[in-house]
Amino acid sequence: VIITACNTETTPYGQKFTRHREGTGPQIKDGEYLVMNMIAVDENDSVWHDTYQQKQPMIVRVAPPILPGLKEPGETGVYRMLNLGDSVSFTLDAETIYVKTWNQELPKGMDPGLEVTYRLGVIEIVDENGLDKYRERNLERYEAERIQNQIRQYGIDTTAIASYLREKSIVAVKTLSGLHYTVVKEG
């Protein structure tokens, strides 16, 4: 059994969260952006959000409070206390998420007490300029991945089409774009 030291902390609003790994970087400042991986799962094991599945981190701006000294509920209060490299978890009920944090009505039929556990890790903390650089850097990476996926899929599709045509004894004409066609009736 491995026991790890975790620190349970409380935001000024009273939201408890557990810091599983304490980051060594600076704390977020008003107006900066958190770039983080996040998984949010409710008590019924329904996944609300998973940046790993989406293959793209979540970006959240930590805006200055509307009123000085305002104690913010839910995830916003936790975000304000994060440092670069932190790994934390916290649980919120659906009413706090929708009504108090997102300022939205609770969806019809949803239990206001439904608990959702957030697990997140802070990858970067950036200002407006840093956010543009982060997006540009990642856009290049996503574009390269997209092109590689297209090339891989083209190979799979070409092989599957050729096999199908051979198995069915279909004679088809292949265009430069990769389209295969047969002339059923000369026009």
C-alpha atoms as a PDB file:
ATOM      1  CA  VAL A   1       0.000   0.000   0.000  1.00  0.00           C
ATOM      2  CA  ILE A   2       1.344   3.380  -0.979  1.00  0.00           C
ATOM      3  CA  ILE A   3       0.215   6.351   1.035  1.00  0.00           C
ATOM      4  CA  THR A   4       0.600   9.768  -0.505  1.00  0.00           C
ATOM      5  CA  ALA A   5       0.375  13.028   1.335  1.00  0.00           C
ATOM      6  CA  CYS A   6      -2.596  15.075   0.208  1.00  0.00           C
ATOM      7  CA  ASN A   7      -3.541  18.466   1.555  1.00  0.00           C
ATOM      8  CA  THR A   8      -7.203  19.336   1.943  1.00  0.00           C
ATOM      9  CA  GLU A   9      -7.744  23.054   1.600  1.00  0.00           C
ATOM     10  CA  THR A  10     -10.747  25.370   1.620  1.00  0.00           C
ATOM     11  CA  THR A  11     -11.491  28.349  -0.631  1.00  0.00           C
ATOM     12  CA  PRO A  12     -12.692  31.619   0.970  1.00  0.00           C
ATOM     13  CA  TYR A  13     -16.226  30.600  -0.073  1.00  0.00           C
ATOM     14  CA  GLY A  14     -15.899  27.318   1.813  1.00  0.00           C
ATOM     15  CA  GLN A  15     -15.315  24.905  -1.096  1.00  0.00           C
ATOM     16  CA  LYS A  16     -13.041  22.065  -0.025  1.00  0.00           C
ATOM     17  CA  PHE A  17     -10.499  20.645  -2.443  1.00  0.00           C
ATOM     18  CA  THR A  18      -7.605  18.221  -2.201  1.00  0.00           C
ATOM     19  CA  ARG A  19      -4.182  19.080  -3.536  1.00  0.00           C
ATOM     20  CA  HIS A  20      -2.702  15.722  -4.597  1.00  0.00           C
ATOM     21  CA  ARG A  21       0.471  17.190  -6.050  1.00  0.00           C
ATOM     22  CA  GLU A  22       1.672  20.650  -5.197  1.00  0.00           C
ATOM     23  CA  GLY A  23       3.010  22.537  -8.150  1.00  0.00           C
ATOM     24  CA  THR A  24       6.260  24.415  -8.007  1.00  0.00           C
ATOM     25  CA  GLY A  25       5.207  27.223 -10.309  1.00  0.00           C
ATOM     26  CA  PRO A  26       3.506  30.546  -9.656  1.00  0.00           C
ATOM     27  CA  GLN A  27      -0.094  30.945  -8.525  1.00  0.00           C
ATOM     28  CA  ILE A  28      -2.691  32.088 -11.055  1.00  0.00           C
ATOM     29  CA  LYS A  29      -3.395  35.842 -11.135  1.00  0.00           C
ATOM     30  CA  ASP A  30      -6.592  37.624 -12.111  1.00  0.00           C
ATOM     31  CA  GLY A  31      -6.939  37.826 -15.886  1.00  0.00           C
ATOM     32  CA  GLU A  32      -4.615  34.887 -16.573  1.00  0.00           C
ATOM     33  CA  TYR A  33      -5.579  31.573 -18.134  1.00  0.00           C
ATOM     34  CA  LEU A  34      -5.297  28.071 -16.721  1.00  0.00           C
ATOM     35  CA  VAL A  35      -4.398  25.420 -19.266  1.00  0.00           C
ATOM     36  CA  MET A  36      -5.305  22.113 -17.669  1.00  0.00           C
ATOM     37  CA  ASN A  37      -6.323  18.546 -18.121  1.00  0.00           C
ATOM     38  CA  MET A  38      -9.639  17.773 -16.469  1.00  0.00           C
ATOM     39  CA  ILE A  39     -11.908  14.839 -15.895  1.00  0.00           C
ATOM     40  CA  ALA A  40     -15.333  15.474 -14.357  1.00  0.00           C
ATOM     41  CA  VAL A  41     -17.389  12.415 -13.390  1.00  0.00           C
ATOM     42  CA  ASP A  42     -20.677  12.314 -11.491  1.00  0.00           C
ATOM     43  CA  GLU A  43     -21.626   9.867  -8.761  1.00  0.00           C
ATOM     44  CA  ASN A  44     -23.303   7.626 -11.366  1.00  0.00           C
ATOM     45  CA  ASP A  45     -20.001   7.317 -13.289  1.00  0.00           C
ATOM     46  CA  SER A  46     -21.261   9.534 -16.111  1.00  0.00           C
ATOM     47  CA  VAL A  47     -18.405  11.517 -17.616  1.00  0.00           C
ATOM     48  CA  TRP A  48     -19.232  15.209 -17.895  1.00  0.00           C
ATOM     49  CA  HIS A  49     -15.914  16.335 -19.321  1.00  0.00           C
ATOM     50  CA  ASP A  50     -12.669  14.559 -20.237  1.00  0.00           C
ATOM     51  CA  THR A  51      -9.861  16.498 -21.872  1.00  0.00           C
ATOM     52  CA  TYR A  52      -7.860  13.291 -22.331  1.00  0.00           C
ATOM     53  CA  GLN A  53     -10.656  11.835 -24.473  1.00  0.00           C
ATOM     54  CA  GLN A  54     -10.903  15.090 -26.415  1.00  0.00           C
ATOM     55  CA  LYS A  55      -7.093  15.197 -26.757  1.00  0.00           C
ATOM     56  CA  GLN A  56      -7.134  18.883 -25.969  1.00  0.00           C
ATOM     57  CA  PRO A  57      -6.591  20.608 -22.618  1.00  0.00           C
ATOM     58  CA  MET A  58      -9.216  22.915 -21.197  1.00  0.00           C
ATOM     59  CA  ILE A  59      -8.477  26.642 -21.069  1.00  0.00           C
ATOM     60  CA  VAL A  60     -10.176  28.725 -18.385  1.00  0.00           C
ATOM     61  CA  ARG A  61      -9.764  32.450 -17.815  1.00  0.00           C
ATOM     62  CA  VAL A  62      -9.704  33.412 -14.176  1.00  0.00           C
ATOM     63  CA  ALA A  63     -11.388  36.798 -14.451  1.00  0.00           C
ATOM     64  CA  PRO A  64     -11.143  39.404 -11.722  1.00  0.00           C
ATOM     65  CA  PRO A  65     -14.081  39.198  -9.301  1.00  0.00           C
ATOM     66  CA  ILE A  66     -17.079  41.336 -10.241  1.00  0.00           C
ATOM     67  CA  LEU A  67     -16.980  42.919  -6.809  1.00  0.00           C
ATOM     68  CA  PRO A  68     -13.791  43.277  -4.764  1.00  0.00           C
ATOM     69  CA  GLY A  69     -13.725  40.711  -1.960  1.00  0.00           C
ATOM     70  CA  LEU A  70     -16.450  38.599  -3.587  1.00  0.00           C
ATOM     71  CA  LYS A  71     -16.196  35.004  -2.445  1.00  0.00           C
ATOM     72  CA  GLU A  72     -16.886  32.819  -5.445  1.00  0.00           C
ATOM     73  CA  PRO A  73     -18.651  29.475  -5.245  1.00  0.00           C
ATOM     74  CA  GLY A  74     -17.665  26.218  -6.847  1.00  0.00           C
ATOM     75  CA  GLU A  75     -14.847  25.670  -9.255  1.00  0.00           C
ATOM     76  CA  THR A  76     -14.017  29.370  -9.731  1.00  0.00           C
ATOM     77  CA  GLY A  77     -12.879  29.703  -6.137  1.00  0.00           C
ATOM     78  CA  VAL A  78     -10.673  26.622  -6.528  1.00  0.00           C
ATOM     79  CA  TYR A  79      -9.179  27.920  -9.783  1.00  0.00           C
ATOM     80  CA  ARG A  80      -8.042  31.114  -8.022  1.00  0.00           C
ATOM     81  CA  MET A  81      -5.923  29.068  -5.596  1.00  0.00           C
ATOM     82  CA  LEU A  82      -4.059  26.966  -8.183  1.00  0.00           C
ATOM     83  CA  ASN A  83      -0.358  26.987  -8.989  1.00  0.00           C
ATOM     84  CA  LEU A  84       1.440  25.804 -12.093  1.00  0.00           C
ATOM     85  CA  GLY A  85       1.896  22.023 -11.774  1.00  0.00           C
ATOM     86  CA  ASP A  86      -0.889  21.479  -9.222  1.00  0.00           C
ATOM     87  CA  SER A  87      -2.987  18.334  -9.317  1.00  0.00           C
ATOM     88  CA  VAL A  88      -6.251  18.727  -7.400  1.00  0.00           C
ATOM     89  CA  SER A  89      -9.693  17.223  -6.993  1.00  0.00           C
ATOM     90  CA  PHE A  90     -12.957  18.549  -5.604  1.00  0.00           C
ATOM     91  CA  THR A  91     -16.630  17.628  -5.592  1.00  0.00           C
ATOM     92  CA  LEU A  92     -19.544  19.929  -6.327  1.00  0.00           C
ATOM     93  CA  ASP A  93     -23.280  19.314  -6.439  1.00  0.00           C
ATOM     94  CA  ALA A  94     -25.213  20.000  -9.633  1.00  0.00           C
ATOM     95  CA  GLU A  95     -26.988  23.027  -8.160  1.00  0.00           C
ATOM     96  CA  THR A  96     -23.680  24.712  -7.299  1.00  0.00           C
ATOM     97  CA  ILE A  97     -22.321  23.970 -10.769  1.00  0.00           C
ATOM     98  CA  TYR A  98     -25.315  25.213 -12.747  1.00  0.00           C
ATOM     99  CA  VAL A  99     -26.968  27.839 -10.592  1.00  0.00           C
ATOM    100  CA  LYS A 100     -24.185  29.331  -8.450  1.00  0.00           C
ATOM    101  CA  THR A 101     -21.197  28.966 -10.792  1.00  0.00           C
ATOM    102  CA  TRP A 102     -22.544  29.019 -14.350  1.00  0.00           C
ATOM    103  CA  ASN A 103     -25.605  31.213 -13.579  1.00  0.00           C
ATOM    104  CA  GLN A 104     -27.871  28.800 -15.464  1.00  0.00           C
ATOM    105  CA  GLU A 105     -31.027  26.944 -14.581  1.00  0.00           C
ATOM    106  CA  LEU A 106     -30.637  23.365 -13.475  1.00  0.00           C
ATOM    107  CA  PRO A 107     -31.659  21.046 -16.359  1.00  0.00           C
ATOM    108  CA  LYS A 108     -35.147  19.600 -15.938  1.00  0.00           C
ATOM    109  CA  GLY A 109     -35.151  16.339 -14.054  1.00  0.00           C
ATOM    110  CA  MET A 110     -31.607  16.734 -12.735  1.00  0.00           C
ATOM    111  CA  ASP A 111     -31.113  16.093  -9.035  1.00  0.00           C
ATOM    112  CA  PRO A 112     -29.693  19.317  -7.535  1.00  0.00           C
ATOM    113  CA  GLY A 113     -27.692  17.192  -5.101  1.00  0.00           C
ATOM    114  CA  LEU A 114     -26.017  15.092  -7.811  1.00  0.00           C
ATOM    115  CA  GLU A 115     -22.311  15.102  -6.961  1.00  0.00           C
ATOM    116  CA  VAL A 116     -19.686  15.698  -9.646  1.00  0.00           C
ATOM    117  CA  THR A 117     -16.016  15.095  -8.906  1.00  0.00           C
ATOM    118  CA  TYR A 118     -13.456  17.138 -10.790  1.00  0.00           C
ATOM    119  CA  ARG A 119      -9.851  15.947 -11.138  1.00  0.00           C
ATOM    120  CA  LEU A 120      -7.511  18.370 -12.810  1.00  0.00           C
ATOM    121  CA  GLY A 121      -3.864  19.110 -13.417  1.00  0.00           C
ATOM    122  CA  VAL A 122      -2.481  22.533 -14.296  1.00  0.00           C
ATOM    123  CA  ILE A 123      -0.236  22.339 -17.387  1.00  0.00           C
ATOM    124  CA  GLU A 124       0.373  26.036 -17.959  1.00  0.00           C
ATOM    125  CA  ILE A 125      -0.627  29.438 -16.636  1.00  0.00           C
ATOM    126  CA  VAL A 126      -0.513  32.090 -19.344  1.00  0.00           C
ATOM    127  CA  ASP A 127      -1.495  35.691 -19.916  1.00  0.00           C
ATOM    128  CA  GLU A 128      -3.274  36.924 -23.066  1.00  0.00           C
ATOM    129  CA  ASN A 129      -0.046  36.982 -25.108  1.00  0.00           C
ATOM    130  CA  GLY A 130       0.984  33.562 -23.784  1.00  0.00           C
ATOM    131  CA  LEU A 131      -2.422  32.165 -24.695  1.00  0.00           C
ATOM    132  CA  ASP A 132      -1.966  33.223 -28.329  1.00  0.00           C
ATOM    133  CA  LYS A 133       1.459  31.545 -28.394  1.00  0.00           C
ATOM    134  CA  TYR A 134       0.050  28.402 -26.740  1.00  0.00           C
ATOM    135  CA  ARG A 135      -2.769  28.164 -29.294  1.00  0.00           C
ATOM    136  CA  GLU A 136      -0.402  28.766 -32.209  1.00  0.00           C
ATOM    137  CA  ARG A 137       2.001  26.089 -30.958  1.00  0.00           C
ATOM    138  CA  ASN A 138      -0.795  23.579 -30.504  1.00  0.00           C
ATOM    139  CA  LEU A 139      -2.505  24.445 -33.777  1.00  0.00           C
ATOM    140  CA  GLU A 140       0.665  23.371 -35.595  1.00  0.00           C
ATOM    141  CA  ARG A 141       0.722  20.100 -33.633  1.00  0.00           C
ATOM    142  CA  TYR A 142      -2.993  19.395 -34.234  1.00  0.00           C
ATOM    143  CA  GLU A 143      -2.612  20.175 -37.934  1.00  0.00           C
ATOM    144  CA  ALA A 144       0.345  17.764 -38.221  1.00  0.00           C
ATOM    145  CA  GLU A 145      -1.682  15.057 -36.418  1.00  0.00           C
ATOM    146  CA  ARG A 146      -4.668  15.705 -38.697  1.00  0.00           C
ATOM    147  CA  ILE A 147      -2.524  15.328 -41.817  1.00  0.00           C
ATOM    148  CA  GLN A 148      -0.954  12.118 -40.489  1.00  0.00           C
ATOM    149  CA  ASN A 149      -4.418  10.740 -39.716  1.00  0.00           C
ATOM    150  CA  GLN A 150      -5.593  11.599 -43.240  1.00  0.00           C
ATOM    151  CA  ILE A 151      -2.585   9.848 -44.788  1.00  0.00           C
ATOM    152  CA  ARG A 152      -3.139   6.785 -42.585  1.00  0.00           C
ATOM    153  CA  GLN A 153      -6.864   6.716 -43.372  1.00  0.00           C
ATOM    154  CA  TYR A 154      -6.197   7.125 -47.106  1.00  0.00           C
ATOM    155  CA  GLY A 155      -4.001   4.005 -46.990  1.00  0.00           C
ATOM    156  CA  ILE A 156      -6.686   2.047 -45.117  1.00  0.00           C
ATOM    157  CA  ASP A 157      -9.430   3.212 -47.496  1.00  0.00           C
ATOM    158  CA  THR A 158      -7.377   2.512 -50.637  1.00  0.00           C
ATOM    159  CA  THR A 159      -6.627  -1.041 -49.483  1.00  0.00           C
ATOM    160  CA  ALA A 160     -10.268  -1.690 -48.522  1.00  0.00           C
ATOM    161  CA  ILE A 161     -11.588  -0.366 -51.846  1.00  0.00           C
ATOM    162  CA  ALA A 162      -9.069  -2.365 -53.883  1.00  0.00           C
ATOM    163  CA  SER A 163      -9.965  -5.557 -51.947  1.00  0.00           C
ATOM    164  CA  TYR A 164     -13.685  -4.980 -52.421  1.00  0.00           C
ATOM    165  CA  LEU A 165     -13.334  -4.345 -56.161  1.00  0.00           C
ATOM    166  CA  ARG A 166     -11.143  -7.456 -56.571  1.00  0.00           C
ATOM    167  CA  GLU A 167     -13.522  -9.688 -54.535  1.00  0.00           C
ATOM    168  CA  LYS A 168     -16.563  -8.484 -56.516  1.00  0.00           C
ATOM    169  CA  SER A 169     -14.715  -8.598 -59.869  1.00  0.00           C
ATOM    170  CA  ILE A 170     -15.560  -4.954 -60.500  1.00  0.00           C
ATOM    171  CA  VAL A 171     -13.504  -3.048 -63.040  1.00  0.00           C
ATOM    172  CA  ALA A 172     -13.344   0.582 -61.986  1.00  0.00           C
ATOM    173  CA  VAL A 173     -11.557   3.690 -63.168  1.00  0.00           C
ATOM    174  CA  LYS A 174      -9.531   5.529 -60.512  1.00  0.00           C
ATOM    175  CA  THR A 175      -9.195   9.317 -60.723  1.00  0.00           C
ATOM    176  CA  LEU A 176      -6.200  11.307 -59.433  1.00  0.00           C
ATOM    177  CA  SER A 177      -8.215  12.205 -56.315  1.00  0.00           C
ATOM    178  CA  GLY A 178      -8.661   8.514 -55.478  1.00  0.00           C
ATOM    179  CA  LEU A 179     -12.293   8.265 -56.561  1.00  0.00           C
ATOM    180  CA  HIS A 180     -13.196   4.886 -58.147  1.00  0.00           C
ATOM    181  CA  TYR A 181     -16.104   4.705 -60.568  1.00  0.00           C
ATOM    182  CA  THR A 182     -17.676   2.344 -63.044  1.00  0.00           C
ATOM    183  CA  VAL A 183     -19.718   3.188 -66.106  1.00  0.00           C
ATOM    184  CA  VAL A 184     -23.019   1.358 -65.789  1.00  0.00           C
ATOM    185  CA  LYS A 185     -24.490   2.699 -69.068  1.00  0.00           C
ATOM    186  CA  GLU A 186     -22.786   4.825 -71.675  1.00  0.00           C
ATOM    187  CA  GLY A 187     -24.586   8.110 -72.095  1.00  0.00           C
END
